[in-house]
Amino acid sequence: MKTIIHTDKAPAAIGPYSQAVKAGGFIFVSGQIPVNPATGEVVEGGVEAQTKQVLENLTAILNSQGVGLDAVVKTSVFIKDMNDFQKINAIYGEYFKSEHPARACVEVARLPKDVLVEIEAIAIA
């Protein structure tokens, strides 16, 4: 059995997918991009501001299910430019402070809305 997850505190999906799905004791969070849920616009301020917004969106979705970032067991990080790796890591480390989840990080040619970073996650429900 699965449950589709939606919260107004994170951006709505921009395609035929859900913000997240709960199934089998896990929450599978779709890739989050740096869209401000209040305005529907991509945040300005470079890769640091975009990474913060992505992680705020991810947190909002998890919080809607009564869990936080400490429940995350795996993330996948997609970045436009591997030269931003250290900047993204610095912000990521502010959110995942102690128990770091498993992670993949890859540079991609292009992301939706031409953003600089996207992060998806799997968390324990």
Protein backbone atom coordinates (compact mmCIF):
# COMPACT_ATOMS: atom_id res chain seq x y z
CA MET A 1 0.00 0.00 0.00
CA LYS A 2 1.23 3.49 -0.76
CA THR A 3 0.26 7.00 0.28
CA ILE A 4 0.74 10.04 -1.91
CA ILE A 5 2.20 12.97 0.05
CA HIS A 6 1.47 16.62 -0.61
CA THR A 7 2.11 19.74 1.45
CA ASP A 8 1.56 23.40 0.59
CA LYS A 9 4.78 24.19 2.48
CA ALA A 10 6.83 22.85 -0.46
CA PRO A 11 6.49 23.60 -4.18
CA ALA A 12 3.86 21.69 -6.10
CA ALA A 13 5.08 19.13 -8.59
CA ILE A 14 5.74 20.65 -12.02
CA GLY A 15 4.92 17.43 -13.85
CA PRO A 16 3.10 14.12 -13.51
CA TYR A 17 4.68 13.07 -10.21
CA SER A 18 4.10 13.44 -6.47
CA GLN A 19 6.12 15.47 -3.98
CA ALA A 20 6.66 12.20 -2.16
CA VAL A 21 5.24 8.72 -1.68
CA LYS A 22 5.12 6.73 1.54
CA ALA A 23 5.42 2.96 1.07
CA GLY A 24 6.95 -0.01 2.84
CA GLY A 25 8.01 1.99 5.89
CA PHE A 26 9.84 4.60 3.80
CA ILE A 27 9.18 8.05 2.39
CA PHE A 28 10.47 8.55 -1.15
CA VAL A 29 10.84 12.29 -1.77
CA SER A 30 10.94 13.39 -5.39
CA GLY A 31 13.79 15.62 -6.51
CA GLN A 32 13.38 19.05 -4.98
CA ILE A 33 14.51 22.16 -6.81
CA PRO A 34 14.99 25.65 -5.34
CA VAL A 35 11.48 26.96 -5.89
CA ASN A 36 10.02 29.13 -3.16
CA PRO A 37 6.61 27.55 -2.39
CA ALA A 38 5.09 30.96 -1.55
CA THR A 39 6.00 32.59 -4.86
CA GLY A 40 6.47 29.65 -7.21
CA GLU A 41 9.72 31.23 -8.37
CA VAL A 42 13.30 29.94 -8.37
CA VAL A 43 15.22 31.67 -5.58
CA GLU A 44 18.02 34.05 -6.48
CA GLY A 45 21.42 34.24 -4.81
CA GLY A 46 23.52 31.54 -6.43
CA VAL A 47 24.13 27.93 -5.57
CA GLU A 48 24.23 28.49 -1.79
CA ALA A 49 20.77 30.11 -1.72
CA GLN A 50 19.43 27.46 -4.07
CA THR A 51 20.82 24.61 -1.96
CA LYS A 52 19.23 26.10 1.18
CA GLN A 53 15.85 26.36 -0.53
CA VAL A 54 16.07 22.78 -1.81
CA LEU A 55 16.80 21.52 1.70
CA GLU A 56 14.01 23.66 3.18
CA ASN A 57 11.59 22.13 0.66
CA LEU A 58 12.81 18.64 1.48
CA THR A 59 12.45 19.35 5.21
CA ALA A 60 8.89 20.66 4.75
CA ILE A 61 7.81 17.50 2.98
CA LEU A 62 9.33 15.27 5.66
CA ASN A 63 7.89 17.43 8.47
CA SER A 64 4.42 17.02 6.94
CA GLN A 65 4.82 13.31 7.78
CA GLY A 66 6.08 13.89 11.32
CA VAL A 67 9.75 13.19 10.60
CA GLY A 68 12.80 15.32 9.97
CA LEU A 69 16.10 15.15 8.15
CA ASP A 70 17.37 12.72 10.79
CA ALA A 71 15.07 10.10 9.20
CA VAL A 72 16.83 10.38 5.82
CA VAL A 73 18.86 7.31 4.89
CA LYS A 74 19.85 8.20 1.30
CA THR A 75 20.02 11.29 -0.88
CA SER A 76 20.86 11.85 -4.50
CA VAL A 77 22.28 15.27 -5.34
CA PHE A 78 22.26 16.53 -8.90
CA ILE A 79 24.37 19.60 -9.63
CA LYS A 80 24.87 21.70 -12.72
CA ASP A 81 28.57 22.34 -12.10
CA MET A 82 30.90 20.07 -10.10
CA ASN A 83 32.91 23.20 -9.27
CA ASP A 84 30.05 24.03 -6.87
CA PHE A 85 30.55 20.75 -4.97
CA GLN A 86 32.25 22.35 -1.93
CA LYS A 87 29.69 25.17 -1.67
CA ILE A 88 26.83 22.67 -1.81
CA ASN A 89 28.58 20.42 0.75
CA ALA A 90 28.95 23.32 3.17
CA ILE A 91 25.20 24.07 3.10
CA TYR A 92 24.29 20.35 3.07
CA GLY A 93 26.42 19.89 6.20
CA GLU A 94 24.44 22.62 8.00
CA TYR A 95 21.28 20.54 7.52
CA PHE A 96 22.73 17.04 7.97
CA LYS A 97 24.83 17.78 11.05
CA SER A 98 25.56 14.45 12.69
CA GLU A 99 24.34 11.22 11.15
CA HIS A 100 24.99 11.71 7.47
CA PRO A 101 22.83 9.69 5.09
CA ALA A 102 24.27 7.67 2.25
CA ARG A 103 24.58 9.90 -0.81
CA ALA A 104 25.26 10.05 -4.51
CA CYS A 105 26.29 13.29 -6.20
CA VAL A 106 26.45 13.71 -9.95
CA GLU A 107 26.96 16.58 -12.35
CA VAL A 108 24.21 16.82 -14.96
CA ALA A 109 23.87 18.73 -18.20
CA ARG A 110 20.65 20.47 -17.25
CA LEU A 111 18.02 20.57 -14.50
CA PRO A 112 14.36 21.70 -14.56
CA LYS A 113 13.94 25.48 -14.74
CA ASP A 114 17.72 25.67 -15.31
CA VAL A 115 18.39 25.50 -11.57
CA LEU A 116 21.84 24.73 -10.16
CA VAL A 117 20.95 21.91 -7.75
CA GLU A 118 18.28 19.24 -7.15
CA ILE A 119 18.10 16.75 -4.27
CA GLU A 120 15.92 13.66 -3.82
CA ALA A 121 15.75 11.59 -0.65
CA ILE A 122 14.62 8.35 0.94
CA ALA A 123 13.64 8.51 4.61
CA ILE A 124 12.32 6.13 7.23
CA ALA A 125 8.62 6.80 7.79
